[in-house]
Structures are given as structure tokens and as C-alpha cells.
Amino acid sequence: MCDALKGTDFAFIESNHDPEMLMYGTYPYHLKKRVASERGHLSNKMCSQLVCKLASEGTKEFMLGHISKENNTEDLALSTTSSALSLIGKSAQVHIAPKESPSKIIQL
């Protein structure tokens, strides 16, 4: 997947959950285990690592989506990715795909 996204102008990346919120949340154990597994969903940290890798390879704009209603917040997803980009000295536009409405239009 990383190779397919390399050098794209724009990428939509899942930022599904915060591991701590997931661990202490209301999901049953088997669901928590599946969500956090390698075949589950991308955490905010995993998303930020992918965004940093892609930004280093030229991607300039990102949309973070599939943000869990119970195990994440839009602000936390955005701040995790923005902080990671700042730490590596990269700048990129990072947008949030809203949970309950269409996202804004992105012109490339």
C-alpha cells in the first residue's frame, strides 16, 4: 500500500483510534484485540508514521478518516499527525473527514 501511495499529491489515511482510549473504552475485549491487531485499524500513531513517510516522499495533502466515535477524537487524530510532521520538519495540509457529514472539497 505504501508503494502505491508513494508520490501521490493527496492521500486519505485511516486514523481510527487512540490505543489508550481503546484499552479503557467500552468495547468488549475480543473487539479491542481485533481493532488493535496488525490486521485491525490504524491507530493515530500508526497513521502519523505513514503520513510522515508519505510526506517525506512528496505527498503534500492528507485527509484523515474513519475516526472512531468511541475511541478517538478528531482533535486528537489531527494533533498526533501534525505533531509528528513537525518533529520531522515536514509541512503538509492535514484535513479531517467529518464523521457525520461530507468533507469539504479539496482542490489539487
PDB file of N, CA and C in Angstrom:
ATOM      1  N   MET A   1       0.826  -1.190   0.000  1.00  0.00           N
ATOM      2  CA  MET A   1       0.000   0.000   0.000  1.00  0.00           C
ATOM      3  C   MET A   1       0.873   1.258   0.000  1.00  0.00           C
ATOM      4  N   CYS A   2       1.931   1.214   0.771  1.00  0.00           N
ATOM      5  CA  CYS A   2       2.817   2.391   0.825  1.00  0.00           C
ATOM      6  C   CYS A   2       3.415   2.703  -0.547  1.00  0.00           C
ATOM      7  N   ASP A   3       3.803   1.660  -1.254  1.00  0.00           N
ATOM      8  CA  ASP A   3       4.367   1.869  -2.594  1.00  0.00           C
ATOM      9  C   ASP A   3       3.340   2.482  -3.537  1.00  0.00           C
ATOM     10  N   ALA A   4       2.087   2.072  -3.412  1.00  0.00           N
ATOM     11  CA  ALA A   4       1.030   2.592  -4.282  1.00  0.00           C
ATOM     12  C   ALA A   4       0.759   4.074  -4.001  1.00  0.00           C
ATOM     13  N   LEU A   5       0.949   4.499  -2.767  1.00  0.00           N
ATOM     14  CA  LEU A   5       0.678   5.893  -2.396  1.00  0.00           C
ATOM     15  C   LEU A   5       1.893   6.804  -2.573  1.00  0.00           C
ATOM     16  N   LYS A   6       3.053   6.221  -2.732  1.00  0.00           N
ATOM     17  CA  LYS A   6       4.294   6.999  -2.845  1.00  0.00           C
ATOM     18  C   LYS A   6       4.197   8.014  -3.978  1.00  0.00           C
ATOM     19  N   GLY A   7       4.469   9.272  -3.644  1.00  0.00           N
ATOM     20  CA  GLY A   7       4.495  10.331  -4.638  1.00  0.00           C
ATOM     21  C   GLY A   7       3.140  10.887  -5.042  1.00  0.00           C
ATOM     22  N   THR A   8       2.076  10.448  -4.405  1.00  0.00           N
ATOM     23  CA  THR A   8       0.757  10.992  -4.736  1.00  0.00           C
ATOM     24  C   THR A   8       0.643  12.424  -4.224  1.00  0.00           C
ATOM     25  N   ASP A   9      -0.252  13.191  -4.821  1.00  0.00           N
ATOM     26  CA  ASP A   9      -0.493  14.558  -4.354  1.00  0.00           C
ATOM     27  C   ASP A   9      -1.333  14.567  -3.078  1.00  0.00           C
ATOM     28  N   PHE A  10      -2.199  13.573  -2.945  1.00  0.00           N
ATOM     29  CA  PHE A  10      -3.187  13.543  -1.863  1.00  0.00           C
ATOM     30  C   PHE A  10      -3.394  12.101  -1.420  1.00  0.00           C
ATOM     31  N   ALA A  11      -3.562  11.898  -0.124  1.00  0.00           N
ATOM     32  CA  ALA A  11      -3.840  10.550   0.382  1.00  0.00           C
ATOM     33  C   ALA A  11      -4.885  10.620   1.496  1.00  0.00           C
ATOM     34  N   PHE A  12      -5.832   9.703   1.444  1.00  0.00           N
ATOM     35  CA  PHE A  12      -6.832   9.533   2.503  1.00  0.00           C
ATOM     36  C   PHE A  12      -6.320   8.393   3.380  1.00  0.00           C
ATOM     37  N   ILE A  13      -6.048   8.687   4.650  1.00  0.00           N
ATOM     38  CA  ILE A  13      -5.447   7.721   5.559  1.00  0.00           C
ATOM     39  C   ILE A  13      -6.353   7.548   6.783  1.00  0.00           C
ATOM     40  N   GLU A  14      -6.557   6.302   7.159  1.00  0.00           N
ATOM     41  CA  GLU A  14      -7.341   5.999   8.361  1.00  0.00           C
ATOM     42  C   GLU A  14      -6.564   6.409   9.610  1.00  0.00           C
ATOM     43  N   SER A  15      -7.260   7.066  10.537  1.00  0.00           N
ATOM     44  CA  SER A  15      -6.706   7.392  11.854  1.00  0.00           C
ATOM     45  C   SER A  15      -7.772   6.974  12.862  1.00  0.00           C
ATOM     46  N   ASN A  16      -7.945   5.672  13.006  1.00  0.00           N
ATOM     47  CA  ASN A  16      -9.127   5.117  13.660  1.00  0.00           C
ATOM     48  C   ASN A  16      -9.202   5.308  15.154  1.00  0.00           C
ATOM     49  N   HIS A  17      -8.120   5.041  15.873  1.00  0.00           N
ATOM     50  CA  HIS A  17      -8.261   5.015  17.328  1.00  0.00           C
ATOM     51  C   HIS A  17      -7.006   5.483  18.060  1.00  0.00           C
ATOM     52  N   ASP A  18      -7.232   5.886  19.289  1.00  0.00           N
ATOM     53  CA  ASP A  18      -6.172   6.145  20.245  1.00  0.00           C
ATOM     54  C   ASP A  18      -6.060   4.884  21.097  1.00  0.00           C
ATOM     55  N   PRO A  19      -4.893   4.245  21.163  1.00  0.00           N
ATOM     56  CA  PRO A  19      -4.774   2.976  21.892  1.00  0.00           C
ATOM     57  C   PRO A  19      -5.235   3.044  23.350  1.00  0.00           C
ATOM     58  N   GLU A  20      -4.962   4.143  24.005  1.00  0.00           N
ATOM     59  CA  GLU A  20      -5.367   4.266  25.411  1.00  0.00           C
ATOM     60  C   GLU A  20      -6.894   4.361  25.538  1.00  0.00           C
ATOM     61  N   MET A  21      -7.506   5.144  24.677  1.00  0.00           N
ATOM     62  CA  MET A  21      -8.972   5.243  24.692  1.00  0.00           C
ATOM     63  C   MET A  21      -9.596   3.885  24.381  1.00  0.00           C
ATOM     64  N   LEU A  22      -8.990   3.169  23.425  1.00  0.00           N
ATOM     65  CA  LEU A  22      -9.485   1.841  23.071  1.00  0.00           C
ATOM     66  C   LEU A  22      -9.378   0.894  24.266  1.00  0.00           C
ATOM     67  N   MET A  23      -8.219   0.900  24.929  1.00  0.00           N
ATOM     68  CA  MET A  23      -7.978  -0.010  26.037  1.00  0.00           C
ATOM     69  C   MET A  23      -8.975   0.224  27.181  1.00  0.00           C
ATOM     70  N   TYR A  24      -9.271   1.474  27.480  1.00  0.00           N
ATOM     71  CA  TYR A  24     -10.156   1.788  28.606  1.00  0.00           C
ATOM     72  C   TYR A  24     -11.603   2.028  28.199  1.00  0.00           C
ATOM     73  N   GLY A  25     -11.898   1.844  26.904  1.00  0.00           N
ATOM     74  CA  GLY A  25     -13.246   2.091  26.395  1.00  0.00           C
ATOM     75  C   GLY A  25     -14.202   0.947  26.659  1.00  0.00           C
ATOM     76  N   THR A  26     -15.377   1.059  26.065  1.00  0.00           N
ATOM     77  CA  THR A  26     -16.479   0.138  26.339  1.00  0.00           C
ATOM     78  C   THR A  26     -16.526  -1.086  25.423  1.00  0.00           C
ATOM     79  N   TYR A  27     -15.662  -1.157  24.431  1.00  0.00           N
ATOM     80  CA  TYR A  27     -15.681  -2.317  23.536  1.00  0.00           C
ATOM     81  C   TYR A  27     -15.373  -3.594  24.322  1.00  0.00           C
ATOM     82  N   PRO A  28     -15.989  -4.709  23.939  1.00  0.00           N
ATOM     83  CA  PRO A  28     -15.623  -5.987  24.569  1.00  0.00           C
ATOM     84  C   PRO A  28     -14.173  -6.343  24.199  1.00  0.00           C
ATOM     85  N   TYR A  29     -13.555  -7.159  25.054  1.00  0.00           N
ATOM     86  CA  TYR A  29     -12.137  -7.499  24.884  1.00  0.00           C
ATOM     87  C   TYR A  29     -11.823  -8.032  23.491  1.00  0.00           C
ATOM     88  N   HIS A  30     -12.636  -8.940  22.964  1.00  0.00           N
ATOM     89  CA  HIS A  30     -12.332  -9.522  21.645  1.00  0.00           C
ATOM     90  C   HIS A  30     -12.314  -8.462  20.546  1.00  0.00           C
ATOM     91  N   LEU A  31     -13.166  -7.446  20.659  1.00  0.00           N
ATOM     92  CA  LEU A  31     -13.201  -6.378  19.671  1.00  0.00           C
ATOM     93  C   LEU A  31     -11.995  -5.447  19.836  1.00  0.00           C
ATOM     94  N   LYS A  32     -11.647  -5.143  21.072  1.00  0.00           N
ATOM     95  CA  LYS A  32     -10.455  -4.327  21.326  1.00  0.00           C
ATOM     96  C   LYS A  32      -9.219  -5.002  20.727  1.00  0.00           C
ATOM     97  N   LYS A  33      -9.131  -6.311  20.936  1.00  0.00           N
ATOM     98  CA  LYS A  33      -7.990  -7.079  20.434  1.00  0.00           C
ATOM     99  C   LYS A  33      -7.936  -7.032  18.907  1.00  0.00           C
ATOM    100  N   ARG A  34      -9.082  -7.176  18.253  1.00  0.00           N
ATOM    101  CA  ARG A  34      -9.124  -7.151  16.790  1.00  0.00           C
ATOM    102  C   ARG A  34      -8.769  -5.772  16.243  1.00  0.00           C
ATOM    103  N   VAL A  35      -9.347  -4.730  16.831  1.00  0.00           N
ATOM    104  CA  VAL A  35      -9.089  -3.360  16.361  1.00  0.00           C
ATOM    105  C   VAL A  35      -7.602  -3.020  16.492  1.00  0.00           C
ATOM    106  N   ALA A  36      -6.971  -3.457  17.582  1.00  0.00           N
ATOM    107  CA  ALA A  36      -5.568  -3.115  17.844  1.00  0.00           C
ATOM    108  C   ALA A  36      -4.575  -4.045  17.154  1.00  0.00           C
ATOM    109  N   SER A  37      -5.057  -5.094  16.511  1.00  0.00           N
ATOM    110  CA  SER A  37      -4.154  -6.069  15.892  1.00  0.00           C
ATOM    111  C   SER A  37      -3.536  -5.523  14.602  1.00  0.00           C
ATOM    112  N   GLU A  38      -2.557  -6.253  14.091  1.00  0.00           N
ATOM    113  CA  GLU A  38      -1.916  -5.876  12.828  1.00  0.00           C
ATOM    114  C   GLU A  38      -2.897  -5.899  11.664  1.00  0.00           C
ATOM    115  N   ARG A  39      -3.975  -6.646  11.805  1.00  0.00           N
ATOM    116  CA  ARG A  39      -5.000  -6.708  10.762  1.00  0.00           C
ATOM    117  C   ARG A  39      -6.231  -5.897  11.138  1.00  0.00           C
ATOM    118  N   GLY A  40      -6.096  -5.065  12.143  1.00  0.00           N
ATOM    119  CA  GLY A  40      -7.206  -4.240  12.603  1.00  0.00           C
ATOM    120  C   GLY A  40      -7.217  -2.889  11.914  1.00  0.00           C
ATOM    121  N   HIS A  41      -7.271  -1.848  12.711  1.00  0.00           N
ATOM    122  CA  HIS A  41      -7.339  -0.485  12.199  1.00  0.00           C
ATOM    123  C   HIS A  41      -6.074   0.281  12.558  1.00  0.00           C
ATOM    124  N   LEU A  42      -5.786   1.325  11.801  1.00  0.00           N
ATOM    125  CA  LEU A  42      -4.620   2.154  12.104  1.00  0.00           C
ATOM    126  C   LEU A  42      -4.911   3.047  13.302  1.00  0.00           C
ATOM    127  N   SER A  43      -4.001   3.029  14.256  1.00  0.00           N
ATOM    128  CA  SER A  43      -4.084   3.957  15.387  1.00  0.00           C
ATOM    129  C   SER A  43      -3.627   5.336  14.912  1.00  0.00           C
ATOM    130  N   ASN A  44      -3.817   6.331  15.767  1.00  0.00           N
ATOM    131  CA  ASN A  44      -3.333   7.670  15.432  1.00  0.00           C
ATOM    132  C   ASN A  44      -1.822   7.664  15.194  1.00  0.00           C
ATOM    133  N   LYS A  45      -1.087   6.937  16.026  1.00  0.00           N
ATOM    134  CA  LYS A  45       0.372   6.891  15.877  1.00  0.00           C
ATOM    135  C   LYS A  45       0.763   6.212  14.568  1.00  0.00           C
ATOM    136  N   MET A  46       0.116   5.097  14.255  1.00  0.00           N
ATOM    137  CA  MET A  46       0.419   4.405  13.001  1.00  0.00           C
ATOM    138  C   MET A  46       0.095   5.294  11.803  1.00  0.00           C
ATOM    139  N   CYS A  47      -1.018   5.992  11.878  1.00  0.00           N
ATOM    140  CA  CYS A  47      -1.399   6.925  10.821  1.00  0.00           C
ATOM    141  C   CYS A  47      -0.334   8.009  10.670  1.00  0.00           C
ATOM    142  N   SER A  48       0.082   8.583  11.792  1.00  0.00           N
ATOM    143  CA  SER A  48       1.065   9.671  11.734  1.00  0.00           C
ATOM    144  C   SER A  48       2.389   9.181  11.145  1.00  0.00           C
ATOM    145  N   GLN A  49       2.780   7.942  11.452  1.00  0.00           N
ATOM    146  CA  GLN A  49       4.009   7.393  10.873  1.00  0.00           C
ATOM    147  C   GLN A  49       3.888   7.256   9.358  1.00  0.00           C
ATOM    148  N   LEU A  50       2.737   6.793   8.901  1.00  0.00           N
ATOM    149  CA  LEU A  50       2.518   6.659   7.458  1.00  0.00           C
ATOM    150  C   LEU A  50       2.487   8.029   6.786  1.00  0.00           C
ATOM    151  N   VAL A  51       1.806   8.976   7.399  1.00  0.00           N
ATOM    152  CA  VAL A  51       1.750  10.330   6.842  1.00  0.00           C
ATOM    153  C   VAL A  51       3.159  10.916   6.749  1.00  0.00           C
ATOM    154  N   CYS A  52       3.968  10.738   7.786  1.00  0.00           N
ATOM    155  CA  CYS A  52       5.340  11.257   7.754  1.00  0.00           C
ATOM    156  C   CYS A  52       6.153  10.610   6.639  1.00  0.00           C
ATOM    157  N   LYS A  53       6.002   9.316   6.465  1.00  0.00           N
ATOM    158  CA  LYS A  53       6.709   8.610   5.394  1.00  0.00           C
ATOM    159  C   LYS A  53       6.290   9.155   4.033  1.00  0.00           C
ATOM    160  N   LEU A  54       4.988   9.288   3.831  1.00  0.00           N
ATOM    161  CA  LEU A  54       4.491   9.791   2.547  1.00  0.00           C
ATOM    162  C   LEU A  54       4.873  11.249   2.323  1.00  0.00           C
ATOM    163  N   ALA A  55       4.831  12.064   3.385  1.00  0.00           N
ATOM    164  CA  ALA A  55       5.233  13.471   3.261  1.00  0.00           C
ATOM    165  C   ALA A  55       6.706  13.570   2.886  1.00  0.00           C
ATOM    166  N   SER A  56       7.510  12.676   3.418  1.00  0.00           N
ATOM    167  CA  SER A  56       8.939  12.656   3.078  1.00  0.00           C
ATOM    168  C   SER A  56       9.164  12.248   1.629  1.00  0.00           C
ATOM    169  N   GLU A  57       8.171  11.580   1.042  1.00  0.00           N
ATOM    170  CA  GLU A  57       8.266  11.134  -0.349  1.00  0.00           C
ATOM    171  C   GLU A  57       7.499  12.049  -1.301  1.00  0.00           C
ATOM    172  N   GLY A  58       7.019  13.190  -0.789  1.00  0.00           N
ATOM    173  CA  GLY A  58       6.434  14.191  -1.660  1.00  0.00           C
ATOM    174  C   GLY A  58       4.947  14.463  -1.546  1.00  0.00           C
ATOM    175  N   THR A  59       4.207  13.646  -0.813  1.00  0.00           N
ATOM    176  CA  THR A  59       2.767  13.908  -0.668  1.00  0.00           C
ATOM    177  C   THR A  59       2.591  15.175   0.164  1.00  0.00           C
ATOM    178  N   LYS A  60       1.737  16.069  -0.310  1.00  0.00           N
ATOM    179  CA  LYS A  60       1.574  17.383   0.329  1.00  0.00           C
ATOM    180  C   LYS A  60       0.257  17.557   1.081  1.00  0.00           C
ATOM    181  N   GLU A  61      -0.697  16.671   0.819  1.00  0.00           N
ATOM    182  CA  GLU A  61      -2.019  16.871   1.410  1.00  0.00           C
ATOM    183  C   GLU A  61      -2.624  15.534   1.824  1.00  0.00           C
ATOM    184  N   PHE A  62      -3.257  15.544   3.004  1.00  0.00           N
ATOM    185  CA  PHE A  62      -3.816  14.324   3.581  1.00  0.00           C
ATOM    186  C   PHE A  62      -5.203  14.581   4.136  1.00  0.00           C
ATOM    187  N   MET A  63      -6.027  13.556   4.093  1.00  0.00           N
ATOM    188  CA  MET A  63      -7.333  13.563   4.756  1.00  0.00           C
ATOM    189  C   MET A  63      -7.313  12.383   5.720  1.00  0.00           C
ATOM    190  N   LEU A  64      -7.562  12.660   6.994  1.00  0.00           N
ATOM    191  CA  LEU A  64      -7.635  11.609   7.998  1.00  0.00           C
ATOM    192  C   LEU A  64      -9.090  11.203   8.163  1.00  0.00           C
ATOM    193  N   GLY A  65      -9.351   9.905   8.103  1.00  0.00           N
ATOM    194  CA  GLY A  65     -10.728   9.444   8.175  1.00  0.00           C
ATOM    195  C   GLY A  65     -10.897   8.172   8.970  1.00  0.00           C
ATOM    196  N   HIS A  66     -12.135   7.687   8.974  1.00  0.00           N
ATOM    197  CA  HIS A  66     -12.549   6.508   9.732  1.00  0.00           C
ATOM    198  C   HIS A  66     -12.159   6.649  11.194  1.00  0.00           C
ATOM    199  N   ILE A  67     -12.412   7.834  11.730  1.00  0.00           N
ATOM    200  CA  ILE A  67     -12.083   8.157  13.116  1.00  0.00           C
ATOM    201  C   ILE A  67     -13.193   7.607  14.015  1.00  0.00           C
ATOM    202  N   SER A  68     -12.823   6.740  14.934  1.00  0.00           N
ATOM    203  CA  SER A  68     -13.790   6.090  15.817  1.00  0.00           C
ATOM    204  C   SER A  68     -14.543   7.106  16.666  1.00  0.00           C
ATOM    205  N   LYS A  69     -15.854   6.900  16.781  1.00  0.00           N
ATOM    206  CA  LYS A  69     -16.670   7.756  17.647  1.00  0.00           C
ATOM    207  C   LYS A  69     -16.374   7.513  19.118  1.00  0.00           C
ATOM    208  N   GLU A  70     -16.037   6.276  19.462  1.00  0.00           N
ATOM    209  CA  GLU A  70     -15.822   5.905  20.862  1.00  0.00           C
ATOM    210  C   GLU A  70     -14.369   5.933  21.303  1.00  0.00           C
ATOM    211  N   ASN A  71     -13.456   5.712  20.382  1.00  0.00           N
ATOM    212  CA  ASN A  71     -12.060   5.506  20.768  1.00  0.00           C
ATOM    213  C   ASN A  71     -11.092   6.526  20.199  1.00  0.00           C
ATOM    214  N   ASN A  72     -11.613   7.697  19.841  1.00  0.00           N
ATOM    215  CA  ASN A  72     -10.762   8.730  19.268  1.00  0.00           C
ATOM    216  C   ASN A  72     -11.532  10.042  19.245  1.00  0.00           C
ATOM    217  N   THR A  73     -10.829  11.107  18.957  1.00  0.00           N
ATOM    218  CA  THR A  73     -11.465  12.392  18.670  1.00  0.00           C
ATOM    219  C   THR A  73     -10.787  12.974  17.435  1.00  0.00           C
ATOM    220  N   GLU A  74     -11.489  13.817  16.742  1.00  0.00           N
ATOM    221  CA  GLU A  74     -10.909  14.461  15.572  1.00  0.00           C
ATOM    222  C   GLU A  74      -9.692  15.291  15.967  1.00  0.00           C
ATOM    223  N   ASP A  75      -9.798  16.011  17.095  1.00  0.00           N
ATOM    224  CA  ASP A  75      -8.685  16.845  17.552  1.00  0.00           C
ATOM    225  C   ASP A  75      -7.447  16.016  17.874  1.00  0.00           C
ATOM    226  N   LEU A  76      -7.653  14.866  18.514  1.00  0.00           N
ATOM    227  CA  LEU A  76      -6.524  14.009  18.869  1.00  0.00           C
ATOM    228  C   LEU A  76      -5.869  13.418  17.621  1.00  0.00           C
ATOM    229  N   ALA A  77      -6.665  12.971  16.667  1.00  0.00           N
ATOM    230  CA  ALA A  77      -6.121  12.443  15.411  1.00  0.00           C
ATOM    231  C   ALA A  77      -5.297  13.518  14.698  1.00  0.00           C
ATOM    232  N   LEU A  78      -5.850  14.707  14.597  1.00  0.00           N
ATOM    233  CA  LEU A  78      -5.168  15.805  13.912  1.00  0.00           C
ATOM    234  C   LEU A  78      -3.893  16.218  14.647  1.00  0.00           C
ATOM    235  N   SER A  79      -3.953  16.352  15.956  1.00  0.00           N
ATOM    236  CA  SER A  79      -2.774  16.802  16.701  1.00  0.00           C
ATOM    237  C   SER A  79      -1.662  15.754  16.679  1.00  0.00           C
ATOM    238  N   THR A  80      -2.007  14.470  16.713  1.00  0.00           N
ATOM    239  CA  THR A  80      -0.991  13.419  16.663  1.00  0.00           C
ATOM    240  C   THR A  80      -0.227  13.484  15.345  1.00  0.00           C
ATOM    241  N   THR A  81      -0.954  13.616  14.246  1.00  0.00           N
ATOM    242  CA  THR A  81      -0.308  13.669  12.932  1.00  0.00           C
ATOM    243  C   THR A  81       0.443  14.979  12.733  1.00  0.00           C
ATOM    244  N   SER A  82      -0.146  16.087  13.116  1.00  0.00           N
ATOM    245  CA  SER A  82       0.523  17.383  12.964  1.00  0.00           C
ATOM    246  C   SER A  82       1.805  17.450  13.776  1.00  0.00           C
ATOM    247  N   SER A  83       1.775  16.927  14.997  1.00  0.00           N
ATOM    248  CA  SER A  83       2.977  16.913  15.845  1.00  0.00           C
ATOM    249  C   SER A  83       4.075  16.053  15.238  1.00  0.00           C
ATOM    250  N   ALA A  84       3.705  14.899  14.693  1.00  0.00           N
ATOM    251  CA  ALA A  84       4.692  14.014  14.075  1.00  0.00           C
ATOM    252  C   ALA A  84       5.345  14.688  12.867  1.00  0.00           C
ATOM    253  N   LEU A  85       4.542  15.357  12.057  1.00  0.00           N
ATOM    254  CA  LEU A  85       5.093  16.078  10.904  1.00  0.00           C
ATOM    255  C   LEU A  85       6.052  17.174  11.363  1.00  0.00           C
ATOM    256  N   SER A  86       5.678  17.887  12.397  1.00  0.00           N
ATOM    257  CA  SER A  86       6.515  18.955  12.925  1.00  0.00           C
ATOM    258  C   SER A  86       7.857  18.414  13.432  1.00  0.00           C
ATOM    259  N   LEU A  87       7.811  17.264  14.098  1.00  0.00           N
ATOM    260  CA  LEU A  87       9.032  16.659  14.637  1.00  0.00           C
ATOM    261  C   LEU A  87      10.040  16.302  13.545  1.00  0.00           C
ATOM    262  N   ILE A  88       9.563  15.951  12.360  1.00  0.00           N
ATOM    263  CA  ILE A  88      10.492  15.604  11.274  1.00  0.00           C
ATOM    264  C   ILE A  88      10.735  16.782  10.332  1.00  0.00           C
ATOM    265  N   GLY A  89      10.164  17.940  10.664  1.00  0.00           N
ATOM    266  CA  GLY A  89      10.396  19.134   9.866  1.00  0.00           C
ATOM    267  C   GLY A  89       9.692  19.159   8.530  1.00  0.00           C
ATOM    268  N   LYS A  90       8.576  18.465   8.432  1.00  0.00           N
ATOM    269  CA  LYS A  90       7.802  18.439   7.189  1.00  0.00           C
ATOM    270  C   LYS A  90       6.502  19.208   7.383  1.00  0.00           C
ATOM    271  N   SER A  91       6.083  19.871   6.315  1.00  0.00           N
ATOM    272  CA  SER A  91       4.781  20.525   6.373  1.00  0.00           C
ATOM    273  C   SER A  91       3.879  19.889   5.329  1.00  0.00           C
ATOM    274  N   ALA A  92       2.640  19.751   5.681  1.00  0.00           N
ATOM    275  CA  ALA A  92       1.636  19.188   4.780  1.00  0.00           C
ATOM    276  C   ALA A  92       0.287  19.666   5.262  1.00  0.00           C
ATOM    277  N   GLN A  93      -0.648  19.763   4.356  1.00  0.00           N
ATOM    278  CA  GLN A  93      -2.026  20.077   4.719  1.00  0.00           C
ATOM    279  C   GLN A  93      -2.657  18.794   5.255  1.00  0.00           C
ATOM    280  N   VAL A  94      -3.245  18.872   6.443  1.00  0.00           N
ATOM    281  CA  VAL A  94      -3.905  17.710   7.026  1.00  0.00           C
ATOM    282  C   VAL A  94      -5.344  18.098   7.338  1.00  0.00           C
ATOM    283  N   HIS A  95      -6.271  17.387   6.739  1.00  0.00           N
ATOM    284  CA  HIS A  95      -7.701  17.631   6.912  1.00  0.00           C
ATOM    285  C   HIS A  95      -8.326  16.451   7.646  1.00  0.00           C
ATOM    286  N   ILE A  96      -9.487  16.701   8.197  1.00  0.00           N
ATOM    287  CA  ILE A  96     -10.258  15.657   8.880  1.00  0.00           C
ATOM    288  C   ILE A  96     -11.527  15.390   8.079  1.00  0.00           C
ATOM    289  N   ALA A  97     -11.798  14.120   7.814  1.00  0.00           N
ATOM    290  CA  ALA A  97     -13.076  13.730   7.208  1.00  0.00           C
ATOM    291  C   ALA A  97     -14.094  13.655   8.348  1.00  0.00           C
ATOM    292  N   PRO A  98     -15.069  14.541   8.367  1.00  0.00           N
ATOM    293  CA  PRO A  98     -16.037  14.542   9.464  1.00  0.00           C
ATOM    294  C   PRO A  98     -16.800  13.223   9.547  1.00  0.00           C
ATOM    295  N   LYS A  99     -17.205  12.882  10.761  1.00  0.00           N
ATOM    296  CA  LYS A  99     -17.910  11.616  10.980  1.00  0.00           C
ATOM    297  C   LYS A  99     -19.339  11.634  10.463  1.00  0.00           C
ATOM    298  N   GLU A 100     -20.005  12.759  10.573  1.00  0.00           N
ATOM    299  CA  GLU A 100     -21.447  12.805  10.313  1.00  0.00           C
ATOM    300  C   GLU A 100     -21.856  13.654   9.118  1.00  0.00           C
ATOM    301  N   SER A 101     -20.880  14.127   8.355  1.00  0.00           N
ATOM    302  CA  SER A 101     -21.234  14.981   7.215  1.00  0.00           C
ATOM    303  C   SER A 101     -20.157  14.844   6.128  1.00  0.00           C
ATOM    304  N   PRO A 102     -20.460  15.312   4.932  1.00  0.00           N
ATOM    305  CA  PRO A 102     -19.449  15.260   3.873  1.00  0.00           C
ATOM    306  C   PRO A 102     -18.256  16.157   4.227  1.00  0.00           C
ATOM    307  N   SER A 103     -17.093  15.786   3.752  1.00  0.00           N
ATOM    308  CA  SER A 103     -15.926  16.631   3.978  1.00  0.00           C
ATOM    309  C   SER A 103     -15.979  17.822   3.033  1.00  0.00           C
ATOM    310  N   LYS A 104     -15.103  18.771   3.305  1.00  0.00           N
ATOM    311  CA  LYS A 104     -15.009  19.886   2.383  1.00  0.00           C
ATOM    312  C   LYS A 104     -14.373  19.413   1.088  1.00  0.00           C
ATOM    313  N   ILE A 105     -14.534  20.178   0.051  1.00  0.00           N
ATOM    314  CA  ILE A 105     -13.953  19.843  -1.243  1.00  0.00           C
ATOM    315  C   ILE A 105     -12.470  20.218  -1.223  1.00  0.00           C
ATOM    316  N   ILE A 106     -11.657  19.298  -1.668  1.00  0.00           N
ATOM    317  CA  ILE A 106     -10.213  19.519  -1.715  1.00  0.00           C
ATOM    318  C   ILE A 106      -9.823  19.686  -3.185  1.00  0.00           C
ATOM    319  N   GLN A 107      -9.248  20.818  -3.508  1.00  0.00           N
ATOM    320  CA  GLN A 107      -8.763  21.051  -4.868  1.00  0.00           C
ATOM    321  C   GLN A 107      -7.267  20.777  -4.906  1.00  0.00           C
ATOM    322  N   LEU A 108      -6.867  19.981  -5.876  1.00  0.00           N
ATOM    323  CA  LEU A 108      -5.454  19.652  -6.028  1.00  0.00           C
ATOM    324  C   LEU A 108      -4.850  20.410  -7.191  1.00  0.00           C
TER     325      LEU A 108
END
